[in-house]
């Protein structure tokens, strides 16, 4: 009984992680496109892109460490 609850919580957390990971990926892609399209990007835009990339890589690393995939969430 206790292990079912633990598995359910782990599955919910993994789903939340992937949801946040996909959102961060979209944000990173849009910021990269903004940088590519601009002639002289400001320092603020470049810094935001670096932060977004760092957050995305951290989330990706966390998902890999937990050894989960999208197929397991379905």
N, C-alpha and C. Protein backbone atom coordinates (compact mmCIF):
# COMPACT_ATOMS: atom_id res chain seq x y z
N UNK A 1 0.81 -1.19 0.00
CA UNK A 1 0.00 0.00 0.00
C UNK A 1 0.86 1.26 0.00
N UNK A 2 1.90 1.25 0.82
CA UNK A 2 2.76 2.42 0.90
C UNK A 2 3.55 2.64 -0.39
N UNK A 3 3.95 1.55 -1.02
CA UNK A 3 4.75 1.67 -2.23
C UNK A 3 3.93 2.20 -3.41
N UNK A 4 2.65 1.95 -3.41
CA UNK A 4 1.81 2.48 -4.48
C UNK A 4 1.77 3.99 -4.43
N UNK A 5 1.67 4.51 -3.23
CA UNK A 5 1.63 5.97 -3.07
C UNK A 5 2.95 6.58 -3.53
N UNK A 6 4.03 5.93 -3.19
CA UNK A 6 5.35 6.41 -3.56
C UNK A 6 5.52 6.41 -5.09
N UNK A 7 5.05 5.35 -5.73
CA UNK A 7 5.14 5.27 -7.18
C UNK A 7 4.27 6.34 -7.84
N UNK A 8 3.10 6.56 -7.27
CA UNK A 8 2.19 7.56 -7.81
C UNK A 8 2.80 8.96 -7.70
N UNK A 9 3.41 9.26 -6.55
CA UNK A 9 4.05 10.56 -6.38
C UNK A 9 5.23 10.74 -7.33
N UNK A 10 6.01 9.68 -7.50
CA UNK A 10 7.16 9.75 -8.40
C UNK A 10 6.69 10.01 -9.84
N UNK A 11 5.62 9.35 -10.23
CA UNK A 11 5.08 9.52 -11.58
C UNK A 11 4.58 10.95 -11.77
N UNK A 12 3.92 11.51 -10.77
CA UNK A 12 3.43 12.89 -10.84
C UNK A 12 4.59 13.87 -10.94
N UNK A 13 5.62 13.65 -10.15
CA UNK A 13 6.79 14.54 -10.18
C UNK A 13 7.51 14.45 -11.52
N UNK A 14 7.60 13.26 -12.09
CA UNK A 14 8.23 13.11 -13.40
C UNK A 14 7.42 13.82 -14.48
N UNK A 15 6.10 13.75 -14.39
CA UNK A 15 5.25 14.44 -15.35
C UNK A 15 5.43 15.95 -15.22
N UNK A 16 5.52 16.43 -13.99
CA UNK A 16 5.74 17.86 -13.76
C UNK A 16 7.11 18.29 -14.30
N UNK A 17 8.11 17.45 -14.10
CA UNK A 17 9.46 17.74 -14.60
C UNK A 17 9.46 17.86 -16.12
N UNK A 18 8.81 16.92 -16.81
CA UNK A 18 8.77 16.98 -18.27
C UNK A 18 7.98 18.17 -18.78
N UNK A 19 6.92 18.51 -18.08
CA UNK A 19 6.13 19.67 -18.47
C UNK A 19 6.98 20.94 -18.37
N UNK A 20 7.70 21.07 -17.28
CA UNK A 20 8.56 22.23 -17.08
C UNK A 20 9.72 22.22 -18.06
N UNK A 21 10.24 21.04 -18.35
CA UNK A 21 11.35 20.89 -19.29
C UNK A 21 10.94 21.32 -20.69
N UNK A 22 9.76 20.93 -21.14
CA UNK A 22 9.28 21.31 -22.46
C UNK A 22 9.03 22.82 -22.54
N UNK A 23 8.48 23.39 -21.48
CA UNK A 23 8.27 24.84 -21.45
C UNK A 23 9.57 25.60 -21.52
N UNK A 24 10.57 25.12 -20.81
CA UNK A 24 11.87 25.77 -20.81
C UNK A 24 12.53 25.64 -22.18
N UNK A 25 12.33 24.51 -22.85
CA UNK A 25 12.89 24.30 -24.20
C UNK A 25 12.28 25.30 -25.19
N UNK A 26 10.97 25.49 -25.10
CA UNK A 26 10.31 26.47 -25.98
C UNK A 26 10.82 27.88 -25.71
N UNK A 27 11.00 28.21 -24.46
CA UNK A 27 11.50 29.53 -24.09
C UNK A 27 12.91 29.73 -24.62
N UNK A 28 13.75 28.72 -24.48
CA UNK A 28 15.12 28.80 -24.97
C UNK A 28 15.16 28.95 -26.48
N UNK A 29 14.33 28.19 -27.19
CA UNK A 29 14.29 28.28 -28.65
C UNK A 29 13.84 29.67 -29.11
N UNK A 30 12.85 30.23 -28.46
CA UNK A 30 12.37 31.56 -28.86
C UNK A 30 13.43 32.62 -28.59
N UNK A 31 14.15 32.50 -27.50
CA UNK A 31 15.21 33.47 -27.21
C UNK A 31 16.36 33.34 -28.19
N UNK A 32 16.69 32.11 -28.60
CA UNK A 32 17.75 31.92 -29.59
C UNK A 32 17.34 32.51 -30.94
N UNK A 33 16.07 32.34 -31.31
CA UNK A 33 15.59 32.94 -32.56
C UNK A 33 15.65 34.46 -32.48
N UNK A 34 15.31 35.02 -31.35
CA UNK A 34 15.36 36.46 -31.16
C UNK A 34 16.78 36.98 -31.33
N UNK A 35 17.73 36.25 -30.80
CA UNK A 35 19.14 36.65 -30.92
C UNK A 35 19.59 36.54 -32.37
N UNK A 36 19.18 35.49 -33.06
CA UNK A 36 19.58 35.32 -34.46
C UNK A 36 18.99 36.39 -35.36
N UNK A 37 17.78 36.82 -35.07
CA UNK A 37 17.10 37.80 -35.92
C UNK A 37 17.54 39.24 -35.64
N UNK A 38 18.08 39.48 -34.47
CA UNK A 38 18.45 40.86 -34.16
C UNK A 38 19.85 41.17 -34.69
N UNK A 39 20.04 42.41 -35.02
CA UNK A 39 21.32 42.86 -35.56
C UNK A 39 22.34 43.01 -34.44
N UNK A 40 21.94 43.69 -33.38
CA UNK A 40 22.82 43.90 -32.24
C UNK A 40 22.04 43.60 -30.96
N UNK A 41 22.06 42.34 -30.52
CA UNK A 41 21.28 42.00 -29.32
C UNK A 41 21.86 42.66 -28.07
N UNK A 42 20.99 43.08 -27.19
CA UNK A 42 21.44 43.73 -25.97
C UNK A 42 22.00 42.70 -24.99
N UNK A 43 22.71 43.20 -24.00
CA UNK A 43 23.29 42.32 -23.00
C UNK A 43 22.21 41.61 -22.19
N UNK A 44 21.09 42.29 -21.97
CA UNK A 44 19.99 41.70 -21.22
C UNK A 44 19.43 40.47 -21.94
N UNK A 45 19.27 40.56 -23.23
CA UNK A 45 18.76 39.44 -24.02
C UNK A 45 19.74 38.27 -24.01
N UNK A 46 21.02 38.58 -24.13
CA UNK A 46 22.04 37.53 -24.11
C UNK A 46 22.11 36.86 -22.74
N UNK A 47 21.98 37.64 -21.68
CA UNK A 47 22.01 37.07 -20.33
C UNK A 47 20.80 36.19 -20.07
N UNK A 48 19.63 36.63 -20.53
CA UNK A 48 18.42 35.81 -20.36
C UNK A 48 18.56 34.49 -21.09
N UNK A 49 19.16 34.52 -22.27
CA UNK A 49 19.36 33.29 -23.04
C UNK A 49 20.32 32.35 -22.31
N UNK A 50 21.37 32.90 -21.72
CA UNK A 50 22.31 32.06 -20.98
C UNK A 50 21.65 31.43 -19.75
N UNK A 51 20.83 32.20 -19.06
CA UNK A 51 20.13 31.66 -17.89
C UNK A 51 19.15 30.58 -18.32
N UNK A 52 18.42 30.81 -19.39
CA UNK A 52 17.47 29.82 -19.89
C UNK A 52 18.18 28.54 -20.29
N UNK A 53 19.33 28.68 -20.92
CA UNK A 53 20.08 27.50 -21.34
C UNK A 53 20.61 26.74 -20.12
N UNK A 54 21.03 27.45 -19.08
CA UNK A 54 21.51 26.80 -17.87
C UNK A 54 20.38 26.05 -17.16
N UNK A 55 19.22 26.66 -17.08
CA UNK A 55 18.07 26.01 -16.44
C UNK A 55 17.65 24.78 -17.24
N UNK A 56 17.63 24.91 -18.56
CA UNK A 56 17.24 23.78 -19.40
C UNK A 56 18.22 22.63 -19.26
N UNK A 57 19.51 22.93 -19.25
CA UNK A 57 20.50 21.85 -19.12
C UNK A 57 20.41 21.19 -17.75
N UNK A 58 20.12 21.99 -16.70
CA UNK A 58 19.95 21.41 -15.37
C UNK A 58 18.75 20.46 -15.34
N UNK A 59 17.63 20.90 -15.91
CA UNK A 59 16.43 20.05 -15.92
C UNK A 59 16.66 18.78 -16.73
N UNK A 60 17.36 18.92 -17.84
CA UNK A 60 17.66 17.76 -18.67
C UNK A 60 18.55 16.77 -17.92
N UNK A 61 19.54 17.29 -17.23
CA UNK A 61 20.43 16.45 -16.44
C UNK A 61 19.65 15.75 -15.32
N UNK A 62 18.73 16.47 -14.69
CA UNK A 62 17.92 15.89 -13.63
C UNK A 62 17.03 14.76 -14.17
N UNK A 63 16.46 14.95 -15.34
CA UNK A 63 15.64 13.90 -15.95
C UNK A 63 16.49 12.68 -16.29
N UNK A 64 17.69 12.91 -16.74
CA UNK A 64 18.57 11.78 -17.06
C UNK A 64 18.97 11.03 -15.79
N UNK A 65 19.24 11.77 -14.72
CA UNK A 65 19.64 11.13 -13.46
C UNK A 65 18.51 10.29 -12.89
N UNK A 66 17.29 10.70 -13.09
CA UNK A 66 16.15 9.93 -12.60
C UNK A 66 15.81 8.76 -13.52
N UNK A 67 16.46 8.70 -14.67
CA UNK A 67 16.30 7.59 -15.62
C UNK A 67 14.84 7.38 -16.01
N UNK A 68 14.18 8.45 -16.41
CA UNK A 68 12.80 8.36 -16.86
C UNK A 68 12.73 8.83 -18.30
N UNK A 69 11.68 8.41 -18.96
CA UNK A 69 11.45 8.85 -20.33
C UNK A 69 9.98 9.20 -20.49
N UNK A 70 9.67 9.87 -21.59
CA UNK A 70 8.29 10.25 -21.84
C UNK A 70 7.39 9.03 -22.00
N UNK A 71 7.94 7.97 -22.52
CA UNK A 71 7.14 6.75 -22.74
C UNK A 71 6.63 6.16 -21.43
N UNK A 72 7.39 6.35 -20.35
CA UNK A 72 6.97 5.82 -19.06
C UNK A 72 5.83 6.62 -18.47
N UNK A 73 5.65 7.86 -18.90
CA UNK A 73 4.61 8.71 -18.34
C UNK A 73 3.24 8.36 -18.89
N UNK A 74 3.17 7.73 -20.00
CA UNK A 74 1.88 7.42 -20.63
C UNK A 74 1.27 6.18 -20.07
